[in-house]
Amino acid sequence: MGSNCPRGTRKEPSLQPPRRATPRRYLMCPPAHFEVTYSINPWMDPAKPVDVPLAVAQWEDLRDRYRALGHTVEELTPRRGLPDMVFAANGATVVDGRVLGARFAFREREAEAEAHLDWFRASGFDRVHEPVHINEGEGDFAVTASYVLAGRGFRASPLSHGEAQEFFGRPVIGLDLVDPRYYHLDTALAVLDDATDQVMYHPPAFSPGSREVLRRLFPDALLAGDDDAAALGLNAVSDGLHVLLPQSATGLFDPLRERGYEPIGMDLSELLKGGGSVKCCTQELRV
């Protein structure tokens, strides 16, 4: 599969602003009960067996890498019968200590929302909102310095965007996803620096109008080609300096370095069978 969209604007390393990592707090859930017994996205094939010990080892490597970089990782206890809980990013969105819970589109994941809300309430979060409209947490909400970017088209209801704006008090920008492989915003766009509105994204994943919105809002964005997007290379997590992303998204490493970031390749190939990678496993607790 060849790339049909350009790389992002490349600048000389000497012109890049210095990048700085900031300590983060994440919520993750071990894949103790991970399996693929149903299909709710194009990546899921129940006919492909899942190696749970391997999935756990890959997940632990990601968790331990975060901690080695100086970040705090909280752990949500997995519940039997909820195999997708490992994709903790989908369970809520947290901005300024405000917790917008999830409401899942598919019944197979509905009970995950309650598990997340239970954790937040037990952990001392007192501004928790149970949503009226369907949203799948940070699957379709991405937070930058200026905006909350909000995906729609496959999972989240467009009505959830207004609900999020009222709750967070931040401008919410709706973006239409058009390729079912990129069913959540976090498979098509990643925030690289949430202090300076730096992102990377895959243009063909979005409608023409949404591509124009992204071009206007983020003129210096790094644009990912077909191969890197198909490796879920945009399902990445950045602390402002280190960018953890699937190791198979090799075409993104040099452009990230040229912009002053330090890419770190992770192997989450077993969890890819469920349609997720680094970001799907990582919910950020912005307090």
Protein backbone atom coordinates (compact mmCIF):
# COMPACT_ATOMS: atom_id res chain seq x y z
CA MET A 1 0.00 0.00 0.00
CA GLY A 2 1.65 3.22 -1.10
CA SER A 3 1.36 6.65 0.44
CA ASN A 4 -0.82 9.12 -1.43
CA CYS A 5 -0.51 12.11 0.85
CA PRO A 6 2.51 14.30 1.60
CA ARG A 7 4.65 14.34 4.68
CA GLY A 8 4.17 17.22 7.04
CA THR A 9 6.16 20.37 6.58
CA ARG A 10 9.78 19.57 7.35
CA LYS A 11 11.90 22.17 9.10
CA GLU A 12 15.61 22.27 9.76
CA PRO A 13 16.39 20.90 13.25
CA SER A 14 18.12 24.18 14.18
CA LEU A 15 14.84 26.04 13.67
CA GLN A 16 12.84 23.81 15.96
CA PRO A 17 11.74 25.11 19.36
CA PRO A 18 13.14 23.06 22.26
CA ARG A 19 10.77 20.28 23.25
CA ARG A 20 10.04 19.59 26.89
CA ALA A 21 8.40 16.59 28.49
CA THR A 22 5.83 17.35 31.17
CA PRO A 23 4.84 14.76 33.81
CA ARG A 24 1.52 13.09 33.01
CA ARG A 25 -0.96 10.99 34.92
CA TYR A 26 -2.51 8.10 33.01
CA LEU A 27 -5.20 5.52 33.65
CA MET A 28 -4.66 2.07 32.16
CA CYS A 29 -6.39 -1.32 32.46
CA PRO A 30 -4.52 -4.65 32.20
CA PRO A 31 -5.71 -6.98 29.40
CA ALA A 32 -6.30 -9.88 31.77
CA HIS A 33 -9.58 -10.77 30.03
CA PHE A 34 -8.70 -9.55 26.54
CA GLU A 35 -10.15 -11.60 23.69
CA VAL A 36 -11.83 -11.02 20.34
CA THR A 37 -15.16 -12.83 20.32
CA TYR A 38 -17.16 -10.23 18.39
CA SER A 39 -16.43 -7.64 15.72
CA ILE A 40 -17.36 -3.97 16.12
CA ASN A 41 -14.59 -2.49 13.96
CA PRO A 42 -12.74 -3.62 10.81
CA TRP A 43 -9.67 -4.72 12.78
CA MET A 44 -11.51 -7.34 14.84
CA ASP A 45 -11.65 -10.91 13.56
CA PRO A 46 -12.96 -13.53 16.03
CA ALA A 47 -11.32 -16.22 13.90
CA LYS A 48 -7.85 -14.98 14.91
CA PRO A 49 -6.74 -16.38 18.26
CA VAL A 50 -5.50 -14.01 20.96
CA ASP A 51 -2.36 -14.74 22.96
CA VAL A 52 -3.35 -13.26 26.33
CA PRO A 53 0.07 -13.67 28.04
CA LEU A 54 1.67 -11.86 25.10
CA ALA A 55 -0.95 -9.11 25.23
CA VAL A 56 -0.27 -8.68 28.94
CA ALA A 57 3.50 -8.54 28.38
CA GLN A 58 3.13 -5.92 25.65
CA TRP A 59 0.78 -3.87 27.82
CA GLU A 60 3.16 -4.07 30.79
CA ASP A 61 6.01 -2.87 28.59
CA LEU A 62 3.97 0.22 27.70
CA ARG A 63 3.00 0.85 31.33
CA ASP A 64 6.58 0.44 32.51
CA ARG A 65 7.87 2.75 29.79
CA TYR A 66 5.55 5.51 30.96
CA ARG A 67 6.79 5.10 34.51
CA ALA A 68 10.42 5.09 33.39
CA LEU A 69 9.77 8.42 31.67
CA GLY A 70 8.54 9.87 34.96
CA HIS A 71 4.79 9.59 34.47
CA THR A 72 2.22 8.28 36.93
CA VAL A 73 0.13 5.30 35.87
CA GLU A 74 -3.05 4.41 37.74
CA GLU A 75 -4.56 0.98 37.08
CA LEU A 76 -8.23 0.18 36.60
CA THR A 77 -9.21 -3.33 37.69
CA PRO A 78 -10.38 -5.35 34.66
CA ARG A 79 -13.78 -6.99 34.84
CA ARG A 80 -14.49 -10.42 33.45
CA GLY A 81 -16.77 -10.33 30.44
CA LEU A 82 -15.50 -6.91 29.32
CA PRO A 83 -12.57 -7.82 27.03
CA ASP A 84 -12.18 -4.30 25.60
CA MET A 85 -11.55 -2.63 28.97
CA VAL A 86 -7.85 -2.67 28.08
CA PHE A 87 -8.70 0.22 25.75
CA ALA A 88 -9.00 2.57 28.70
CA ALA A 89 -8.92 5.74 26.61
CA ASN A 90 -12.51 5.06 25.63
CA GLY A 91 -13.89 5.16 29.17
CA ALA A 92 -13.92 8.92 29.81
CA THR A 93 -12.38 12.29 28.95
CA VAL A 94 -10.77 14.33 31.70
CA VAL A 95 -10.05 18.06 31.27
CA ASP A 96 -9.15 20.40 34.16
CA GLY A 97 -10.22 17.70 36.60
CA ARG A 98 -13.68 17.47 35.05
CA VAL A 99 -14.68 13.94 34.06
CA LEU A 100 -16.99 13.43 31.11
CA GLY A 101 -17.99 9.80 31.22
CA ALA A 102 -18.49 7.58 28.20
CA ARG A 103 -21.64 6.18 26.67
CA PHE A 104 -20.77 3.39 24.28
CA ALA A 105 -22.33 2.83 20.88
CA PHE A 106 -22.31 -0.98 21.13
CA ARG A 107 -23.95 -3.02 23.88
CA GLU A 108 -20.84 -5.21 24.16
CA ARG A 109 -19.01 -2.30 25.79
CA GLU A 110 -21.83 -0.56 27.67
CA ALA A 111 -20.81 -1.80 31.13
CA GLU A 112 -17.31 -0.33 30.74
CA ALA A 113 -18.74 3.15 31.29
CA GLU A 114 -19.95 2.27 34.78
CA ALA A 115 -16.59 0.69 35.66
CA HIS A 116 -14.80 3.91 34.78
CA LEU A 117 -17.25 6.14 36.64
CA ASP A 118 -16.91 3.92 39.72
CA TRP A 119 -13.14 4.36 39.60
CA PHE A 120 -13.32 8.15 39.26
CA ARG A 121 -15.75 8.54 42.13
CA ALA A 122 -13.71 6.24 44.35
CA SER A 123 -10.54 8.17 43.43
CA GLY A 124 -11.85 11.53 44.63
CA PHE A 125 -12.98 13.14 41.39
CA ASP A 126 -16.01 15.23 42.35
CA ARG A 127 -16.89 16.80 39.00
CA VAL A 128 -18.18 13.77 37.11
CA HIS A 129 -20.80 14.00 34.35
CA GLU A 130 -22.73 11.00 33.09
CA PRO A 131 -23.36 11.75 29.41
CA VAL A 132 -26.71 11.88 27.70
CA HIS A 133 -25.30 11.38 24.22
CA ILE A 134 -23.01 8.68 22.82
CA ASN A 135 -19.30 9.40 23.12
CA GLU A 136 -16.43 6.97 23.58
CA GLY A 137 -14.09 9.08 25.64
CA GLU A 138 -10.72 9.95 24.25
CA GLY A 139 -11.43 7.67 21.34
CA ASP A 140 -13.18 10.64 19.76
CA PHE A 141 -12.07 13.59 21.93
CA ALA A 142 -8.54 15.00 21.60
CA VAL A 143 -7.41 17.91 23.78
CA THR A 144 -5.07 20.65 22.58
CA ALA A 145 -4.18 24.00 24.15
CA SER A 146 -6.95 25.80 22.29
CA TYR A 147 -9.58 23.20 21.43
CA VAL A 148 -11.25 19.92 22.11
CA LEU A 149 -11.22 18.11 18.76
CA ALA A 150 -14.20 15.78 18.39
CA GLY A 151 -14.60 12.96 15.89
CA ARG A 152 -17.92 11.78 14.52
CA GLY A 153 -19.20 9.50 11.81
CA PHE A 154 -18.83 5.99 13.21
CA ARG A 155 -19.26 6.08 17.01
CA ALA A 156 -19.80 9.42 18.75
CA SER A 157 -23.07 11.30 18.31
CA PRO A 158 -22.69 14.85 16.96
CA LEU A 159 -24.86 15.88 19.92
CA SER A 160 -22.07 14.82 22.26
CA HIS A 161 -19.96 17.70 20.99
CA GLY A 162 -22.29 20.34 22.41
CA GLU A 163 -22.56 18.37 25.64
CA ALA A 164 -18.76 18.33 25.94
CA GLN A 165 -18.46 22.04 25.19
CA GLU A 166 -20.98 22.95 27.89
CA PHE A 167 -19.29 20.69 30.44
CA PHE A 168 -15.67 21.60 29.75
CA GLY A 169 -16.21 25.25 28.77
CA ARG A 170 -13.80 24.85 25.87
CA PRO A 171 -14.38 25.23 22.12
CA VAL A 172 -15.24 21.86 20.58
CA ILE A 173 -14.37 21.37 16.90
CA GLY A 174 -16.29 18.62 15.12
CA LEU A 175 -14.43 16.51 12.56
CA ASP A 176 -16.06 13.98 10.22
CA LEU A 177 -14.38 10.58 9.86
CA VAL A 178 -15.06 8.80 6.55
CA ASP A 179 -12.85 5.67 6.51
CA PRO A 180 -14.17 2.81 8.70
CA ARG A 181 -10.62 1.67 9.47
CA TYR A 182 -10.23 4.94 11.37
CA TYR A 183 -13.44 4.64 13.32
CA HIS A 184 -12.23 6.76 16.24
CA LEU A 185 -10.47 10.11 16.06
CA ASP A 186 -7.50 8.66 17.96
CA THR A 187 -6.78 6.32 15.06
CA ALA A 188 -6.54 9.23 12.61
CA LEU A 189 -5.04 12.10 14.66
CA ALA A 190 -2.61 12.47 17.54
CA VAL A 191 -1.78 15.49 19.69
CA LEU A 192 1.98 15.96 19.79
CA ASP A 193 2.19 19.02 22.03
CA ASP A 194 -0.92 20.05 23.92
CA ALA A 195 0.73 23.30 25.01
CA THR A 196 1.34 24.61 21.49
CA ASP A 197 -1.40 22.98 19.38
CA GLN A 198 0.92 20.59 17.51
CA VAL A 199 -0.73 17.55 15.94
CA MET A 200 -0.21 14.88 13.32
CA TYR A 201 -3.01 13.33 11.27
CA HIS A 202 -3.96 11.29 8.19
CA PRO A 203 -5.90 13.54 5.76
CA PRO A 204 -7.77 10.76 3.86
CA ALA A 205 -9.43 9.67 7.11
CA PHE A 206 -11.43 12.91 7.14
CA SER A 207 -14.11 14.47 4.95
CA PRO A 208 -12.98 17.26 2.58
CA GLY A 209 -14.48 19.93 4.82
CA SER A 210 -12.83 18.53 7.93
CA ARG A 211 -9.47 18.33 6.14
CA GLU A 212 -9.80 22.04 5.37
CA VAL A 213 -10.63 22.80 9.01
CA LEU A 214 -7.55 20.88 10.14
CA ARG A 215 -5.40 22.64 7.55
CA ARG A 216 -6.53 26.04 8.82
CA LEU A 217 -6.20 25.20 12.51
CA PHE A 218 -2.91 23.30 12.24
CA PRO A 219 -0.98 24.55 9.18
CA ASP A 220 2.28 23.02 10.42
CA ALA A 221 0.83 19.58 11.23
CA LEU A 222 2.74 16.43 10.39
CA LEU A 223 0.77 14.53 7.76
CA ALA A 224 0.88 10.75 7.96
CA GLY A 225 0.79 8.62 4.81
CA ASP A 226 -1.21 5.49 4.12
CA ASP A 227 1.27 2.92 5.42
CA ASP A 228 1.85 4.64 8.76
CA ALA A 229 -1.85 5.28 9.29
CA ALA A 230 -2.65 1.64 8.48
CA ALA A 231 -0.12 0.60 11.14
CA LEU A 232 -2.18 2.71 13.59
CA GLY A 233 0.81 5.02 13.84
CA LEU A 234 -1.47 7.88 14.83
CA ASN A 235 -2.72 5.96 17.85
CA ALA A 236 0.12 7.59 19.76
CA VAL A 237 0.78 9.33 23.06
CA SER A 238 3.08 12.31 23.54
CA ASP A 239 4.29 14.06 26.69
CA GLY A 240 5.55 17.01 24.68
CA LEU A 241 8.91 15.41 23.93
CA HIS A 242 8.59 11.62 23.84
CA VAL A 243 6.11 10.19 21.35
CA LEU A 244 5.16 6.57 22.00
CA LEU A 245 3.71 4.98 18.87
CA PRO A 246 3.50 1.59 17.13
CA GLN A 247 6.98 0.48 16.10
CA SER A 248 5.73 -0.53 12.65
CA ALA A 249 4.86 3.09 11.76
CA THR A 250 8.44 3.58 10.59
CA GLY A 251 7.69 6.47 8.23
CA LEU A 252 6.82 8.75 11.14
CA PHE A 253 10.05 8.41 13.08
CA ASP A 254 12.31 10.69 11.05
CA PRO A 255 9.69 13.45 10.58
CA LEU A 256 9.10 13.42 14.35
CA ARG A 257 12.83 13.68 15.05
CA GLU A 258 13.12 16.57 12.58
CA ARG A 259 10.53 18.41 14.65
CA GLY A 260 12.44 17.87 17.87
CA TYR A 261 10.48 14.92 19.25
CA GLU A 262 11.89 11.62 20.46
CA PRO A 263 9.82 8.77 18.98
CA ILE A 264 9.67 5.52 20.94
CA GLY A 265 8.42 2.46 19.08
CA MET A 266 6.17 0.09 20.98
CA ASP A 267 5.02 -3.41 20.06
CA LEU A 268 1.31 -3.78 20.82
CA SER A 269 0.65 -6.12 17.91
CA GLU A 270 -1.52 -8.46 19.98
CA LEU A 271 -3.82 -5.64 21.06
CA LEU A 272 -4.06 -4.48 17.46
CA LYS A 273 -6.31 -7.50 16.95
CA GLY A 274 -8.91 -5.52 18.90
CA GLY A 275 -8.35 -2.38 16.86
CA GLY A 276 -6.21 -0.47 19.33
CA SER A 277 -2.65 0.48 20.14
CA VAL A 278 -0.77 2.94 22.37
CA LYS A 279 -3.37 5.68 22.74
CA CYS A 280 -6.32 3.30 23.01
CA CYS A 281 -4.65 1.81 26.09
CA THR A 282 -3.97 5.20 27.68
CA GLN A 283 -6.44 7.63 29.19
CA GLU A 284 -4.90 10.92 30.33
CA LEU A 285 -6.03 12.33 33.66
CA ARG A 286 -5.75 16.10 33.16
CA VAL A 287 -6.24 17.51 36.67
